[in-house]
Amino acid sequence: MQPLNIDKAGAVRFGEMERDAILSYGAMNLTLDRLLLNSDACKAFICEKCQQILFPVTRPPNADSSEAIRENNRCRMCEKNSTFGVRIPYVLVYLVSELAAVGIKFQFSK
């Protein structure tokens, strides 16, 4: 999510043109920092067998949401306990759930 306006906290909007300029310059660490780490990073758990994200993620990303998922790390599709964690933007978690709602299967890979 982007800030609505520049406020006293110093939040500045980071749009597509800024992203494209940084990518063309080759500053991948800055891109990772601005678009993932300081934006909406969350830890998601992926089933190693069926390569799908474990649901549900019931809250916005914080320390408690990853702990809640880790407690129930059994995949409901294949009934396996083998999972691995990835750090992804929360908007990707939202996109995967939207795609699942219309019947599109999104798979991750290691």
PDB file of N, CA and C in Angstrom:
ATOM      1  N   MET A   1       0.839  -1.173   0.000  1.00  0.00           N
ATOM      2  CA  MET A   1       0.000   0.000   0.000  1.00  0.00           C
ATOM      3  C   MET A   1       0.885   1.236   0.000  1.00  0.00           C
ATOM      4  N   GLN A   2       0.401   2.266  -0.602  1.00  0.00           N
ATOM      5  CA  GLN A   2       1.121   3.522  -0.692  1.00  0.00           C
ATOM      6  C   GLN A   2       0.512   4.534   0.274  1.00  0.00           C
ATOM      7  N   PRO A   3       1.323   5.438   0.819  1.00  0.00           N
ATOM      8  CA  PRO A   3       0.759   6.488   1.672  1.00  0.00           C
ATOM      9  C   PRO A   3      -0.124   7.422   0.856  1.00  0.00           C
ATOM     10  N   LEU A   4      -1.133   7.990   1.515  1.00  0.00           N
ATOM     11  CA  LEU A   4      -2.059   8.872   0.816  1.00  0.00           C
ATOM     12  C   LEU A   4      -1.431  10.203   0.461  1.00  0.00           C
ATOM     13  N   ASN A   5      -0.599  10.739   1.322  1.00  0.00           N
ATOM     14  CA  ASN A   5       0.069  12.007   1.034  1.00  0.00           C
ATOM     15  C   ASN A   5       1.346  12.092   1.861  1.00  0.00           C
ATOM     16  N   ILE A   6       2.127  13.102   1.582  1.00  0.00           N
ATOM     17  CA  ILE A   6       3.353  13.305   2.353  1.00  0.00           C
ATOM     18  C   ILE A   6       2.965  13.918   3.691  1.00  0.00           C
ATOM     19  N   ASP A   7       3.329  13.258   4.758  1.00  0.00           N
ATOM     20  CA  ASP A   7       2.962  13.758   6.081  1.00  0.00           C
ATOM     21  C   ASP A   7       4.223  14.010   6.901  1.00  0.00           C
ATOM     22  N   LYS A   8       4.049  14.288   8.170  1.00  0.00           N
ATOM     23  CA  LYS A   8       5.170  14.619   9.043  1.00  0.00           C
ATOM     24  C   LYS A   8       6.087  13.423   9.286  1.00  0.00           C
ATOM     25  N   ALA A   9       5.578  12.204   9.065  1.00  0.00           N
ATOM     26  CA  ALA A   9       6.397  11.015   9.277  1.00  0.00           C
ATOM     27  C   ALA A   9       7.385  10.788   8.139  1.00  0.00           C
ATOM     28  N   GLY A  10       7.232  11.503   7.032  1.00  0.00           N
ATOM     29  CA  GLY A  10       8.184  11.389   5.941  1.00  0.00           C
ATOM     30  C   GLY A  10       7.826  10.362   4.891  1.00  0.00           C
ATOM     31  N   ALA A  11       6.607   9.851   4.882  1.00  0.00           N
ATOM     32  CA  ALA A  11       6.207   8.864   3.884  1.00  0.00           C
ATOM     33  C   ALA A  11       6.079   9.526   2.517  1.00  0.00           C
ATOM     34  N   VAL A  12       6.733   8.938   1.534  1.00  0.00           N
ATOM     35  CA  VAL A  12       6.708   9.466   0.175  1.00  0.00           C
ATOM     36  C   VAL A  12       6.159   8.377  -0.732  1.00  0.00           C
ATOM     37  N   ARG A  13       5.305   8.762  -1.642  1.00  0.00           N
ATOM     38  CA  ARG A  13       4.750   7.788  -2.583  1.00  0.00           C
ATOM     39  C   ARG A  13       5.851   7.254  -3.493  1.00  0.00           C
ATOM     40  N   PHE A  14       5.760   5.981  -3.809  1.00  0.00           N
ATOM     41  CA  PHE A  14       6.733   5.310  -4.659  1.00  0.00           C
ATOM     42  C   PHE A  14       5.948   4.648  -5.773  1.00  0.00           C
ATOM     43  N   GLY A  15       5.923   5.265  -6.940  1.00  0.00           N
ATOM     44  CA  GLY A  15       5.069   4.812  -8.027  1.00  0.00           C
ATOM     45  C   GLY A  15       5.782   3.946  -9.052  1.00  0.00           C
ATOM     46  N   GLU A  16       5.078   3.666 -10.148  1.00  0.00           N
ATOM     47  CA  GLU A  16       5.618   2.801 -11.193  1.00  0.00           C
ATOM     48  C   GLU A  16       6.799   3.433 -11.916  1.00  0.00           C
ATOM     49  N   MET A  17       6.754   4.733 -12.143  1.00  0.00           N
ATOM     50  CA  MET A  17       7.873   5.381 -12.834  1.00  0.00           C
ATOM     51  C   MET A  17       9.139   5.342 -11.979  1.00  0.00           C
ATOM     52  N   GLU A  18       8.990   5.528 -10.674  1.00  0.00           N
ATOM     53  CA  GLU A  18      10.142   5.440  -9.772  1.00  0.00           C
ATOM     54  C   GLU A  18      10.683   4.010  -9.745  1.00  0.00           C
ATOM     55  N   ARG A  19       9.783   3.044  -9.693  1.00  0.00           N
ATOM     56  CA  ARG A  19      10.194   1.637  -9.705  1.00  0.00           C
ATOM     57  C   ARG A  19      10.947   1.309 -10.982  1.00  0.00           C
ATOM     58  N   ASP A  20      10.417   1.733 -12.138  1.00  0.00           N
ATOM     59  CA  ASP A  20      11.070   1.462 -13.421  1.00  0.00           C
ATOM     60  C   ASP A  20      12.444   2.116 -13.505  1.00  0.00           C
ATOM     61  N   ALA A  21      12.578   3.325 -12.973  1.00  0.00           N
ATOM     62  CA  ALA A  21      13.871   4.010 -12.995  1.00  0.00           C
ATOM     63  C   ALA A  21      14.902   3.267 -12.157  1.00  0.00           C
ATOM     64  N   ILE A  22      14.490   2.789 -11.001  1.00  0.00           N
ATOM     65  CA  ILE A  22      15.425   2.063 -10.135  1.00  0.00           C
ATOM     66  C   ILE A  22      15.785   0.717 -10.744  1.00  0.00           C
ATOM     67  N   LEU A  23      14.814   0.017 -11.344  1.00  0.00           N
ATOM     68  CA  LEU A  23      15.109  -1.265 -11.985  1.00  0.00           C
ATOM     69  C   LEU A  23      16.055  -1.090 -13.168  1.00  0.00           C
ATOM     70  N   SER A  24      15.858  -0.048 -13.966  1.00  0.00           N
ATOM     71  CA  SER A  24      16.741   0.172 -15.112  1.00  0.00           C
ATOM     72  C   SER A  24      18.148   0.551 -14.660  1.00  0.00           C
ATOM     73  N   TYR A  25      18.268   1.166 -13.516  1.00  0.00           N
ATOM     74  CA  TYR A  25      19.573   1.516 -12.965  1.00  0.00           C
ATOM     75  C   TYR A  25      20.283   0.275 -12.430  1.00  0.00           C
ATOM     76  N   GLY A  26      19.527  -0.740 -12.050  1.00  0.00           N
ATOM     77  CA  GLY A  26      20.109  -1.974 -11.552  1.00  0.00           C
ATOM     78  C   GLY A  26      20.233  -2.038 -10.049  1.00  0.00           C
ATOM     79  N   ALA A  27      19.516  -1.228  -9.338  1.00  0.00           N
ATOM     80  CA  ALA A  27      19.601  -1.196  -7.878  1.00  0.00           C
ATOM     81  C   ALA A  27      18.566  -2.145  -7.277  1.00  0.00           C
ATOM     82  N   MET A  28      18.840  -3.437  -7.351  1.00  0.00           N
ATOM     83  CA  MET A  28      17.872  -4.426  -6.886  1.00  0.00           C
ATOM     84  C   MET A  28      17.692  -4.396  -5.369  1.00  0.00           C
ATOM     85  N   ASN A  29      18.759  -4.098  -4.624  1.00  0.00           N
ATOM     86  CA  ASN A  29      18.614  -4.041  -3.169  1.00  0.00           C
ATOM     87  C   ASN A  29      17.686  -2.913  -2.738  1.00  0.00           C
ATOM     88  N   LEU A  30      17.761  -1.787  -3.425  1.00  0.00           N
ATOM     89  CA  LEU A  30      16.859  -0.683  -3.116  1.00  0.00           C
ATOM     90  C   LEU A  30      15.421  -1.056  -3.463  1.00  0.00           C
ATOM     91  N   THR A  31      15.237  -1.750  -4.585  1.00  0.00           N
ATOM     92  CA  THR A  31      13.900  -2.198  -4.975  1.00  0.00           C
ATOM     93  C   THR A  31      13.338  -3.165  -3.940  1.00  0.00           C
ATOM     94  N   LEU A  32      14.154  -4.122  -3.505  1.00  0.00           N
ATOM     95  CA  LEU A  32      13.721  -5.069  -2.479  1.00  0.00           C
ATOM     96  C   LEU A  32      13.366  -4.344  -1.189  1.00  0.00           C
ATOM     97  N   ASP A  33      14.172  -3.381  -0.810  1.00  0.00           N
ATOM     98  CA  ASP A  33      13.938  -2.634   0.420  1.00  0.00           C
ATOM     99  C   ASP A  33      12.646  -1.825   0.359  1.00  0.00           C
ATOM    100  N   ARG A  34      12.439  -1.097  -0.717  1.00  0.00           N
ATOM    101  CA  ARG A  34      11.267  -0.208  -0.830  1.00  0.00           C
ATOM    102  C   ARG A  34       9.972  -0.967  -1.077  1.00  0.00           C
ATOM    103  N   LEU A  35      10.003  -2.004  -1.911  1.00  0.00           N
ATOM    104  CA  LEU A  35       8.765  -2.657  -2.333  1.00  0.00           C
ATOM    105  C   LEU A  35       8.412  -3.902  -1.530  1.00  0.00           C
ATOM    106  N   LEU A  36       9.325  -4.391  -0.685  1.00  0.00           N
ATOM    107  CA  LEU A  36       9.002  -5.569   0.119  1.00  0.00           C
ATOM    108  C   LEU A  36       9.250  -5.318   1.599  1.00  0.00           C
ATOM    109  N   LEU A  37      10.476  -5.068   1.968  1.00  0.00           N
ATOM    110  CA  LEU A  37      10.826  -5.025   3.385  1.00  0.00           C
ATOM    111  C   LEU A  37      10.167  -3.879   4.134  1.00  0.00           C
ATOM    112  N   ASN A  38      10.113  -2.698   3.545  1.00  0.00           N
ATOM    113  CA  ASN A  38       9.510  -1.545   4.215  1.00  0.00           C
ATOM    114  C   ASN A  38       8.082  -1.297   3.780  1.00  0.00           C
ATOM    115  N   SER A  39       7.504  -2.226   3.063  1.00  0.00           N
ATOM    116  CA  SER A  39       6.142  -2.032   2.580  1.00  0.00           C
ATOM    117  C   SER A  39       5.186  -2.969   3.308  1.00  0.00           C
ATOM    118  N   ASP A  40       5.067  -4.203   2.837  1.00  0.00           N
ATOM    119  CA  ASP A  40       4.074  -5.109   3.415  1.00  0.00           C
ATOM    120  C   ASP A  40       4.573  -6.552   3.446  1.00  0.00           C
ATOM    121  N   ALA A  41       5.827  -6.754   3.830  1.00  0.00           N
ATOM    122  CA  ALA A  41       6.389  -8.098   3.866  1.00  0.00           C
ATOM    123  C   ALA A  41       5.695  -8.951   4.916  1.00  0.00           C
ATOM    124  N   CYS A  42       5.456 -10.195   4.562  1.00  0.00           N
ATOM    125  CA  CYS A  42       4.918 -11.148   5.535  1.00  0.00           C
ATOM    126  C   CYS A  42       5.551 -12.504   5.261  1.00  0.00           C
ATOM    127  N   LYS A  43       5.561 -13.347   6.262  1.00  0.00           N
ATOM    128  CA  LYS A  43       6.103 -14.688   6.098  1.00  0.00           C
ATOM    129  C   LYS A  43       4.952 -15.632   5.825  1.00  0.00           C
ATOM    130  N   ALA A  44       5.042 -16.331   4.708  1.00  0.00           N
ATOM    131  CA  ALA A  44       4.015 -17.300   4.339  1.00  0.00           C
ATOM    132  C   ALA A  44       4.651 -18.682   4.329  1.00  0.00           C
ATOM    133  N   PHE A  45       3.846 -19.701   4.514  1.00  0.00           N
ATOM    134  CA  PHE A  45       4.330 -21.067   4.507  1.00  0.00           C
ATOM    135  C   PHE A  45       3.736 -21.793   3.312  1.00  0.00           C
ATOM    136  N   ILE A  46       4.601 -22.531   2.607  1.00  0.00           N
ATOM    137  CA  ILE A  46       4.241 -23.209   1.375  1.00  0.00           C
ATOM    138  C   ILE A  46       4.401 -24.710   1.586  1.00  0.00           C
ATOM    139  N   CYS A  47       3.441 -25.490   1.100  1.00  0.00           N
ATOM    140  CA  CYS A  47       3.523 -26.949   1.161  1.00  0.00           C
ATOM    141  C   CYS A  47       4.567 -27.426   0.154  1.00  0.00           C
ATOM    142  N   GLU A  48       5.481 -28.303   0.591  1.00  0.00           N
ATOM    143  CA  GLU A  48       6.529 -28.787  -0.305  1.00  0.00           C
ATOM    144  C   GLU A  48       5.994 -29.736  -1.361  1.00  0.00           C
ATOM    145  N   LYS A  49       4.907 -30.435  -1.070  1.00  0.00           N
ATOM    146  CA  LYS A  49       4.386 -31.407  -2.035  1.00  0.00           C
ATOM    147  C   LYS A  49       3.530 -30.744  -3.108  1.00  0.00           C
ATOM    148  N   CYS A  50       2.506 -30.005  -2.711  1.00  0.00           N
ATOM    149  CA  CYS A  50       1.586 -29.433  -3.707  1.00  0.00           C
ATOM    150  C   CYS A  50       1.936 -28.001  -4.089  1.00  0.00           C
ATOM    151  N   GLN A  51       2.955 -27.399  -3.454  1.00  0.00           N
ATOM    152  CA  GLN A  51       3.476 -26.073  -3.806  1.00  0.00           C
ATOM    153  C   GLN A  51       2.442 -24.957  -3.670  1.00  0.00           C
ATOM    154  N   GLN A  52       1.513 -25.082  -2.736  1.00  0.00           N
ATOM    155  CA  GLN A  52       0.505 -24.046  -2.531  1.00  0.00           C
ATOM    156  C   GLN A  52       0.683 -23.407  -1.164  1.00  0.00           C
ATOM    157  N   ILE A  53       0.236 -22.160  -1.064  1.00  0.00           N
ATOM    158  CA  ILE A  53       0.348 -21.411   0.178  1.00  0.00           C
ATOM    159  C   ILE A  53      -0.655 -21.958   1.192  1.00  0.00           C
ATOM    160  N   LEU A  54      -0.239 -21.981   2.454  1.00  0.00           N
ATOM    161  CA  LEU A  54      -1.139 -22.449   3.506  1.00  0.00           C
ATOM    162  C   LEU A  54      -2.110 -21.345   3.869  1.00  0.00           C
ATOM    163  N   PHE A  55      -3.367 -21.654   3.907  1.00  0.00           N
ATOM    164  CA  PHE A  55      -4.420 -20.710   4.272  1.00  0.00           C
ATOM    165  C   PHE A  55      -5.058 -21.184   5.552  1.00  0.00           C
ATOM    166  N   PRO A  56      -5.752 -20.388   6.293  1.00  0.00           N
ATOM    167  CA  PRO A  56      -6.041 -18.993   6.016  1.00  0.00           C
ATOM    168  C   PRO A  56      -5.025 -18.063   6.649  1.00  0.00           C
ATOM    169  N   VAL A  57      -4.825 -16.943   6.032  1.00  0.00           N
ATOM    170  CA  VAL A  57      -4.126 -15.818   6.647  1.00  0.00           C
ATOM    171  C   VAL A  57      -5.237 -14.864   7.031  1.00  0.00           C
ATOM    172  N   THR A  58      -5.535 -14.803   8.304  1.00  0.00           N
ATOM    173  CA  THR A  58      -6.736 -14.096   8.748  1.00  0.00           C
ATOM    174  C   THR A  58      -6.485 -12.654   9.141  1.00  0.00           C
ATOM    175  N   ARG A  59      -5.215 -12.268   9.304  1.00  0.00           N
ATOM    176  CA  ARG A  59      -4.900 -10.915   9.748  1.00  0.00           C
ATOM    177  C   ARG A  59      -3.862 -10.304   8.821  1.00  0.00           C
ATOM    178  N   PRO A  60      -3.753  -8.984   8.825  1.00  0.00           N
ATOM    179  CA  PRO A  60      -2.648  -8.348   8.099  1.00  0.00           C
ATOM    180  C   PRO A  60      -1.316  -8.804   8.682  1.00  0.00           C
ATOM    181  N   PRO A  61      -0.229  -8.659   7.942  1.00  0.00           N
ATOM    182  CA  PRO A  61       1.046  -9.224   8.382  1.00  0.00           C
ATOM    183  C   PRO A  61       1.577  -8.580   9.658  1.00  0.00           C
ATOM    184  N   ASN A  62       1.904  -9.428  10.603  1.00  0.00           N
ATOM    185  CA  ASN A  62       2.612  -9.031  11.816  1.00  0.00           C
ATOM    186  C   ASN A  62       3.206 -10.293  12.420  1.00  0.00           C
ATOM    187  N   ALA A  63       3.819 -10.188  13.558  1.00  0.00           N
ATOM    188  CA  ALA A  63       4.479 -11.350  14.153  1.00  0.00           C
ATOM    189  C   ALA A  63       3.483 -12.436  14.529  1.00  0.00           C
ATOM    190  N   ASP A  64       2.281 -12.062  14.930  1.00  0.00           N
ATOM    191  CA  ASP A  64       1.307 -13.051  15.374  1.00  0.00           C
ATOM    192  C   ASP A  64       0.770 -13.898  14.231  1.00  0.00           C
ATOM    193  N   SER A  65       0.636 -13.334  13.028  1.00  0.00           N
ATOM    194  CA  SER A  65       0.039 -14.089  11.932  1.00  0.00           C
ATOM    195  C   SER A  65       0.932 -15.248  11.506  1.00  0.00           C
ATOM    196  N   SER A  66       2.259 -15.069  11.486  1.00  0.00           N
ATOM    197  CA  SER A  66       3.127 -16.178  11.103  1.00  0.00           C
ATOM    198  C   SER A  66       3.130 -17.259  12.175  1.00  0.00           C
ATOM    199  N   GLU A  67       3.013 -16.876  13.433  1.00  0.00           N
ATOM    200  CA  GLU A  67       2.932 -17.871  14.499  1.00  0.00           C
ATOM    201  C   GLU A  67       1.640 -18.667  14.407  1.00  0.00           C
ATOM    202  N   ALA A  68       0.545 -18.019  14.057  1.00  0.00           N
ATOM    203  CA  ALA A  68      -0.732 -18.722  13.935  1.00  0.00           C
ATOM    204  C   ALA A  68      -0.687 -19.740  12.808  1.00  0.00           C
ATOM    205  N   ILE A  69      -0.011 -19.413  11.721  1.00  0.00           N
ATOM    206  CA  ILE A  69       0.091 -20.360  10.614  1.00  0.00           C
ATOM    207  C   ILE A  69       1.048 -21.484  10.965  1.00  0.00           C
ATOM    208  N   ARG A  70       2.150 -21.168  11.645  1.00  0.00           N
ATOM    209  CA  ARG A  70       3.121 -22.195  11.989  1.00  0.00           C
ATOM    210  C   ARG A  70       2.500 -23.257  12.891  1.00  0.00           C
ATOM    211  N   GLU A  71       1.576 -22.865  13.749  1.00  0.00           N
ATOM    212  CA  GLU A  71       0.918 -23.832  14.620  1.00  0.00           C
ATOM    213  C   GLU A  71       0.092 -24.825  13.815  1.00  0.00           C
ATOM    214  N   ASN A  72      -0.503 -24.405  12.723  1.00  0.00           N
ATOM    215  CA  ASN A  72      -1.330 -25.270  11.887  1.00  0.00           C
ATOM    216  C   ASN A  72      -0.648 -25.453  10.541  1.00  0.00           C
ATOM    217  N   ASN A  73       0.536 -26.061  10.530  1.00  0.00           N
ATOM    218  CA  ASN A  73       1.287 -26.140   9.288  1.00  0.00           C
ATOM    219  C   ASN A  73       0.998 -27.401   8.489  1.00  0.00           C
ATOM    220  N   ARG A  74      -0.153 -27.992   8.668  1.00  0.00           N
ATOM    221  CA  ARG A  74      -0.557 -29.150   7.871  1.00  0.00           C
ATOM    222  C   ARG A  74      -1.323 -28.656   6.654  1.00  0.00           C
ATOM    223  N   CYS A  75      -0.894 -29.118   5.481  1.00  0.00           N
ATOM    224  CA  CYS A  75      -1.560 -28.737   4.237  1.00  0.00           C
ATOM    225  C   CYS A  75      -2.918 -29.436   4.166  1.00  0.00           C
ATOM    226  N   ARG A  76      -3.951 -28.686   3.887  1.00  0.00           N
ATOM    227  CA  ARG A  76      -5.296 -29.256   3.810  1.00  0.00           C
ATOM    228  C   ARG A  76      -5.552 -29.978   2.501  1.00  0.00           C
ATOM    229  N   MET A  77      -4.742 -29.695   1.479  1.00  0.00           N
ATOM    230  CA  MET A  77      -4.937 -30.334   0.176  1.00  0.00           C
ATOM    231  C   MET A  77      -4.335 -31.737   0.146  1.00  0.00           C
ATOM    232  N   CYS A  78      -3.088 -31.868   0.600  1.00  0.00           N
ATOM    233  CA  CYS A  78      -2.414 -33.169   0.506  1.00  0.00           C
ATOM    234  C   CYS A  78      -2.168 -33.821   1.868  1.00  0.00           C
ATOM    235  N   GLU A  79      -2.558 -33.147   2.958  1.00  0.00           N
ATOM    236  CA  GLU A  79      -2.428 -33.673   4.325  1.00  0.00           C
ATOM    237  C   GLU A  79      -0.976 -33.961   4.729  1.00  0.00           C
ATOM    238  N   LYS A  80      -0.025 -33.175   4.244  1.00  0.00           N
ATOM    239  CA  LYS A  80       1.385 -33.328   4.612  1.00  0.00           C
ATOM    240  C   LYS A  80       1.799 -32.217   5.569  1.00  0.00           C
ATOM    241  N   ASN A  81       2.824 -32.507   6.374  1.00  0.00           N
ATOM    242  CA  ASN A  81       3.338 -31.522   7.323  1.00  0.00           C
ATOM    243  C   ASN A  81       4.600 -30.826   6.837  1.00  0.00           C
ATOM    244  N   SER A  82       5.117 -31.204   5.685  1.00  0.00           N
ATOM    245  CA  SER A  82       6.369 -30.613   5.211  1.00  0.00           C
ATOM    246  C   SER A  82       6.094 -29.279   4.523  1.00  0.00           C
ATOM    247  N   THR A  83       6.583 -28.201   5.142  1.00  0.00           N
ATOM    248  CA  THR A  83       6.377 -26.859   4.612  1.00  0.00           C
ATOM    249  C   THR A  83       7.697 -26.102   4.627  1.00  0.00           C
ATOM    250  N   PHE A  84       7.756 -25.027   3.880  1.00  0.00           N
ATOM    251  CA  PHE A  84       8.890 -24.115   3.941  1.00  0.00           C
ATOM    252  C   PHE A  84       8.353 -22.698   3.947  1.00  0.00           C
ATOM    253  N   GLY A  85       9.105 -21.808   4.564  1.00  0.00           N
ATOM    254  CA  GLY A  85       8.671 -20.423   4.689  1.00  0.00           C
ATOM    255  C   GLY A  85       9.289 -19.542   3.618  1.00  0.00           C
ATOM    256  N   VAL A  86       8.514 -18.586   3.152  1.00  0.00           N
ATOM    257  CA  VAL A  86       8.999 -17.586   2.199  1.00  0.00           C
ATOM    258  C   VAL A  86       8.563 -16.216   2.682  1.00  0.00           C
ATOM    259  N   ARG A  87       9.323 -15.216   2.302  1.00  0.00           N
ATOM    260  CA  ARG A  87       8.971 -13.833   2.636  1.00  0.00           C
ATOM    261  C   ARG A  87       8.446 -13.182   1.368  1.00  0.00           C
ATOM    262  N   ILE A  88       7.177 -12.857   1.369  1.00  0.00           N
ATOM    263  CA  ILE A  88       6.522 -12.310   0.183  1.00  0.00           C
ATOM    264  C   ILE A  88       5.701 -11.090   0.575  1.00  0.00           C
ATOM    265  N   PRO A  89       5.359 -10.246  -0.379  1.00  0.00           N
ATOM    266  CA  PRO A  89       4.469  -9.126  -0.068  1.00  0.00           C
ATOM    267  C   PRO A  89       3.072  -9.641   0.281  1.00  0.00           C
ATOM    268  N   TYR A  90       2.427  -8.987   1.219  1.00  0.00           N
ATOM    269  CA  TYR A  90       1.086  -9.412   1.610  1.00  0.00           C
ATOM    270  C   TYR A  90       0.106  -9.299   0.450  1.00  0.00           C
ATOM    271  N   VAL A  91       0.356  -8.382  -0.465  1.00  0.00           N
ATOM    272  CA  VAL A  91      -0.530  -8.237  -1.611  1.00  0.00           C
ATOM    273  C   VAL A  91      -0.495  -9.507  -2.472  1.00  0.00           C
ATOM    274  N   LEU A  92       0.625 -10.247  -2.483  1.00  0.00           N
ATOM    275  CA  LEU A  92       0.674 -11.518  -3.207  1.00  0.00           C
ATOM    276  C   LEU A  92      -0.197 -12.563  -2.521  1.00  0.00           C
ATOM    277  N   VAL A  93      -0.207 -12.574  -1.196  1.00  0.00           N
ATOM    278  CA  VAL A  93      -1.102 -13.479  -0.467  1.00  0.00           C
ATOM    279  C   VAL A  93      -2.550 -13.167  -0.827  1.00  0.00           C
ATOM    280  N   TYR A  94      -2.868 -11.889  -0.893  1.00  0.00           N
ATOM    281  CA  TYR A  94      -4.218 -11.465  -1.266  1.00  0.00           C
ATOM    282  C   TYR A  94      -4.539 -11.881  -2.702  1.00  0.00           C
ATOM    283  N   LEU A  95      -3.581 -11.718  -3.619  1.00  0.00           N
ATOM    284  CA  LEU A  95      -3.787 -12.118  -5.010  1.00  0.00           C
ATOM    285  C   LEU A  95      -4.025 -13.617  -5.126  1.00  0.00           C
ATOM    286  N   VAL A  96      -3.257 -14.417  -4.394  1.00  0.00           N
ATOM    287  CA  VAL A  96      -3.435 -15.869  -4.433  1.00  0.00           C
ATOM    288  C   VAL A  96      -4.827 -16.248  -3.948  1.00  0.00           C
ATOM    289  N   SER A  97      -5.313 -15.586  -2.898  1.00  0.00           N
ATOM    290  CA  SER A  97      -6.661 -15.897  -2.402  1.00  0.00           C
ATOM    291  C   SER A  97      -7.731 -15.459  -3.394  1.00  0.00           C
ATOM    292  N   GLU A  98      -7.528 -14.327  -4.073  1.00  0.00           N
ATOM    293  CA  GLU A  98      -8.480 -13.883  -5.097  1.00  0.00           C
ATOM    294  C   GLU A  98      -8.500 -14.854  -6.276  1.00  0.00           C
ATOM    295  N   LEU A  99      -7.330 -15.320  -6.698  1.00  0.00           N
ATOM    296  CA  LEU A  99      -7.272 -16.287  -7.794  1.00  0.00           C
ATOM    297  C   LEU A  99      -7.923 -17.607  -7.399  1.00  0.00           C
ATOM    298  N   ALA A 100      -7.722 -18.032  -6.152  1.00  0.00           N
ATOM    299  CA  ALA A 100      -8.352 -19.268  -5.682  1.00  0.00           C
ATOM    300  C   ALA A 100      -9.869 -19.141  -5.666  1.00  0.00           C
ATOM    301  N   ALA A 101     -10.369 -17.944  -5.395  1.00  0.00           N
ATOM    302  CA  ALA A 101     -11.819 -17.733  -5.358  1.00  0.00           C
ATOM    303  C   ALA A 101     -12.460 -17.922  -6.727  1.00  0.00           C
ATOM    304  N   VAL A 102     -11.702 -17.678  -7.798  1.00  0.00           N
ATOM    305  CA  VAL A 102     -12.251 -17.860  -9.143  1.00  0.00           C
ATOM    306  C   VAL A 102     -11.754 -19.149  -9.788  1.00  0.00           C
ATOM    307  N   GLY A 103     -11.103 -20.019  -9.001  1.00  0.00           N
ATOM    308  CA  GLY A 103     -10.725 -21.342  -9.479  1.00  0.00           C
ATOM    309  C   GLY A 103      -9.385 -21.427 -10.187  1.00  0.00           C
ATOM    310  N   ILE A 104      -8.495 -20.472  -9.963  1.00  0.00           N
ATOM    311  CA  ILE A 104      -7.166 -20.500 -10.582  1.00  0.00           C
ATOM    312  C   ILE A 104      -6.157 -20.939  -9.530  1.00  0.00           C
ATOM    313  N   LYS A 105      -5.406 -21.988  -9.844  1.00  0.00           N
ATOM    314  CA  LYS A 105      -4.430 -22.545  -8.910  1.00  0.00           C
ATOM    315  C   LYS A 105      -3.077 -21.863  -9.102  1.00  0.00           C
ATOM    316  N   PHE A 106      -2.547 -21.277  -8.051  1.00  0.00           N
ATOM    317  CA  PHE A 106      -1.260 -20.577  -8.066  1.00  0.00           C
ATOM    318  C   PHE A 106      -0.268 -21.441  -7.319  1.00  0.00           C
ATOM    319  N   GLN A 107       0.817 -21.856  -7.974  1.00  0.00           N
ATOM    320  CA  GLN A 107       1.812 -22.701  -7.328  1.00  0.00           C
ATOM    321  C   GLN A 107       3.134 -21.963  -7.176  1.00  0.00           C
ATOM    322  N   PHE A 108       3.791 -22.192  -6.054  1.00  0.00           N
ATOM    323  CA  PHE A 108       5.109 -21.641  -5.781  1.00  0.00           C
ATOM    324  C   PHE A 108       6.143 -22.722  -6.063  1.00  0.00           C
ATOM    325  N   SER A 109       7.384 -22.324  -6.239  1.00  0.00           N
ATOM    326  CA  SER A 109       8.460 -23.299  -6.391  1.00  0.00           C
ATOM    327  C   SER A 109       9.646 -22.847  -5.548  1.00  0.00           C
ATOM    328  N   LYS A 110      10.466 -23.800  -5.172  1.00  0.00           N
ATOM    329  CA  LYS A 110      11.645 -23.489  -4.352  1.00  0.00           C
ATOM    330  C   LYS A 110      12.721 -22.894  -5.190  1.00  0.00           C
TER     331      LYS A 110
END
